[in-house]
Amino acid sequence: MIIDRVEVETINSFSKLELLKEVYGLISILPIL
């Protein structure tokens, strides 16, 4: 059970990191456009 919880938290933090990367990517692209 503990392992499953850790996996879920890891996936959640990873998806948040990916979301931040996409947001930063959009922010860096917008000034160029």
PDB file of N, CA and C in Angstrom:
ATOM      1  N   MET A   1       0.838  -1.202   0.000  1.00  0.00           N
ATOM      2  CA  MET A   1       0.000   0.000   0.000  1.00  0.00           C
ATOM      3  C   MET A   1       0.877   1.258   0.000  1.00  0.00           C
ATOM      4  N   ILE A   2       1.913   1.236   0.832  1.00  0.00           N
ATOM      5  CA  ILE A   2       2.787   2.410   0.922  1.00  0.00           C
ATOM      6  C   ILE A   2       3.476   2.656  -0.421  1.00  0.00           C
ATOM      7  N   ILE A   3       3.911   1.563  -1.061  1.00  0.00           N
ATOM      8  CA  ILE A   3       4.608   1.690  -2.344  1.00  0.00           C
ATOM      9  C   ILE A   3       3.676   2.318  -3.380  1.00  0.00           C
ATOM     10  N   ASP A   4       2.413   1.885  -3.399  1.00  0.00           N
ATOM     11  CA  ASP A   4       1.450   2.436  -4.352  1.00  0.00           C
ATOM     12  C   ASP A   4       1.285   3.937  -4.119  1.00  0.00           C
ATOM     13  N   ARG A   5       1.219   4.326  -2.848  1.00  0.00           N
ATOM     14  CA  ARG A   5       1.027   5.741  -2.519  1.00  0.00           C
ATOM     15  C   ARG A   5       2.222   6.557  -3.009  1.00  0.00           C
ATOM     16  N   VAL A   6       3.420   6.016  -2.798  1.00  0.00           N
ATOM     17  CA  VAL A   6       4.633   6.715  -3.242  1.00  0.00           C
ATOM     18  C   VAL A   6       4.637   6.847  -4.756  1.00  0.00           C
ATOM     19  N   GLU A   7       4.227   5.789  -5.443  1.00  0.00           N
ATOM     20  CA  GLU A   7       4.188   5.837  -6.910  1.00  0.00           C
ATOM     21  C   GLU A   7       3.220   6.914  -7.383  1.00  0.00           C
ATOM     22  N   VAL A   8       2.066   6.993  -6.753  1.00  0.00           N
ATOM     23  CA  VAL A   8       1.065   7.992  -7.141  1.00  0.00           C
ATOM     24  C   VAL A   8       1.618   9.395  -6.916  1.00  0.00           C
ATOM     25  N   GLU A   9       2.264   9.619  -5.765  1.00  0.00           N
ATOM     26  CA  GLU A   9       2.816  10.945  -5.476  1.00  0.00           C
ATOM     27  C   GLU A   9       3.906  11.294  -6.475  1.00  0.00           C
ATOM     28  N   THR A  10       4.726  10.297  -6.839  1.00  0.00           N
ATOM     29  CA  THR A  10       5.798  10.535  -7.808  1.00  0.00           C
ATOM     30  C   THR A  10       5.214  10.908  -9.161  1.00  0.00           C
ATOM     31  N   ILE A  11       4.170  10.199  -9.578  1.00  0.00           N
ATOM     32  CA  ILE A  11       3.524  10.487 -10.867  1.00  0.00           C
ATOM     33  C   ILE A  11       2.902  11.884 -10.839  1.00  0.00           C
ATOM     34  N   ASN A  12       2.267  12.239  -9.721  1.00  0.00           N
ATOM     35  CA  ASN A  12       1.635  13.556  -9.611  1.00  0.00           C
ATOM     36  C   ASN A  12       2.669  14.662  -9.711  1.00  0.00           C
ATOM     37  N   SER A  13       3.788  14.530  -8.982  1.00  0.00           N
ATOM     38  CA  SER A  13       4.819  15.561  -9.009  1.00  0.00           C
ATOM     39  C   SER A  13       5.457  15.624 -10.389  1.00  0.00           C
ATOM     40  N   PHE A  14       5.591  14.466 -11.053  1.00  0.00           N
ATOM     41  CA  PHE A  14       6.189  14.435 -12.388  1.00  0.00           C
ATOM     42  C   PHE A  14       5.278  15.137 -13.390  1.00  0.00           C
ATOM     43  N   SER A  15       3.971  14.895 -13.291  1.00  0.00           N
ATOM     44  CA  SER A  15       3.030  15.530 -14.214  1.00  0.00           C
ATOM     45  C   SER A  15       2.997  17.036 -13.974  1.00  0.00           C
ATOM     46  N   LYS A  16       3.137  17.451 -12.698  1.00  0.00           N
ATOM     47  CA  LYS A  16       3.185  18.884 -12.402  1.00  0.00           C
ATOM     48  C   LYS A  16       4.430  19.494 -13.020  1.00  0.00           C
ATOM     49  N   LEU A  17       5.556  18.772 -12.965  1.00  0.00           N
ATOM     50  CA  LEU A  17       6.806  19.260 -13.543  1.00  0.00           C
ATOM     51  C   LEU A  17       6.650  19.414 -15.052  1.00  0.00           C
ATOM     52  N   GLU A  18       6.011  18.423 -15.684  1.00  0.00           N
ATOM     53  CA  GLU A  18       5.789  18.499 -17.131  1.00  0.00           C
ATOM     54  C   GLU A  18       4.885  19.690 -17.468  1.00  0.00           C
ATOM     55  N   LEU A  19       3.872  19.922 -16.630  1.00  0.00           N
ATOM     56  CA  LEU A  19       2.963  21.039 -16.864  1.00  0.00           C
ATOM     57  C   LEU A  19       3.723  22.358 -16.775  1.00  0.00           C
ATOM     58  N   LEU A  20       4.620  22.465 -15.769  1.00  0.00           N
ATOM     59  CA  LEU A  20       5.429  23.675 -15.621  1.00  0.00           C
ATOM     60  C   LEU A  20       6.308  23.877 -16.844  1.00  0.00           C
ATOM     61  N   LYS A  21       6.876  22.783 -17.354  1.00  0.00           N
ATOM     62  CA  LYS A  21       7.737  22.882 -18.543  1.00  0.00           C
ATOM     63  C   LYS A  21       6.935  23.413 -19.718  1.00  0.00           C
ATOM     64  N   GLU A  22       5.712  22.924 -19.896  1.00  0.00           N
ATOM     65  CA  GLU A  22       4.881  23.379 -21.009  1.00  0.00           C
ATOM     66  C   GLU A  22       4.540  24.858 -20.848  1.00  0.00           C
ATOM     67  N   VAL A  23       4.216  25.265 -19.618  1.00  0.00           N
ATOM     68  CA  VAL A  23       3.875  26.671 -19.363  1.00  0.00           C
ATOM     69  C   VAL A  23       5.073  27.561 -19.653  1.00  0.00           C
ATOM     70  N   TYR A  24       6.256  27.163 -19.154  1.00  0.00           N
ATOM     71  CA  TYR A  24       7.456  27.958 -19.407  1.00  0.00           C
ATOM     72  C   TYR A  24       7.761  27.995 -20.896  1.00  0.00           C
ATOM     73  N   GLY A  25       7.511  26.891 -21.589  1.00  0.00           N
ATOM     74  CA  GLY A  25       7.737  26.848 -23.029  1.00  0.00           C
ATOM     75  C   GLY A  25       6.828  27.841 -23.741  1.00  0.00           C
ATOM     76  N   LEU A  26       5.554  27.879 -23.343  1.00  0.00           N
ATOM     77  CA  LEU A  26       4.620  28.822 -23.960  1.00  0.00           C
ATOM     78  C   LEU A  26       5.040  30.256 -23.672  1.00  0.00           C
ATOM     79  N   ILE A  27       5.466  30.521 -22.424  1.00  0.00           N
ATOM     80  CA  ILE A  27       5.871  31.875 -22.039  1.00  0.00           C
ATOM     81  C   ILE A  27       7.084  32.316 -22.850  1.00  0.00           C
ATOM     82  N   SER A  28       8.009  31.391 -23.098  1.00  0.00           N
ATOM     83  CA  SER A  28       9.226  31.746 -23.838  1.00  0.00           C
ATOM     84  C   SER A  28       8.928  31.895 -25.325  1.00  0.00           C
ATOM     85  N   ILE A  29       7.867  31.225 -25.811  1.00  0.00           N
ATOM     86  CA  ILE A  29       7.517  31.298 -27.237  1.00  0.00           C
ATOM     87  C   ILE A  29       6.689  32.554 -27.535  1.00  0.00           C
ATOM     88  N   LEU A  30       5.823  32.948 -26.605  1.00  0.00           N
ATOM     89  CA  LEU A  30       4.912  34.072 -26.845  1.00  0.00           C
ATOM     90  C   LEU A  30       5.625  35.360 -27.258  1.00  0.00           C
ATOM     91  N   PRO A  31       6.698  35.791 -26.570  1.00  0.00           N
ATOM     92  CA  PRO A  31       7.362  37.046 -26.970  1.00  0.00           C
ATOM     93  C   PRO A  31       7.860  36.997 -28.409  1.00  0.00           C
ATOM     94  N   ILE A  32       8.266  35.811 -28.878  1.00  0.00           N
ATOM     95  CA  ILE A  32       8.765  35.674 -30.249  1.00  0.00           C
ATOM     96  C   ILE A  32       7.624  35.898 -31.236  1.00  0.00           C
ATOM     97  N   LEU A  33       6.453  35.363 -30.913  1.00  0.00           N
ATOM     98  CA  LEU A  33       5.293  35.528 -31.793  1.00  0.00           C
ATOM     99  C   LEU A  33       4.830  36.981 -31.767  1.00  0.00           C
TER     100      LEU A  33
END
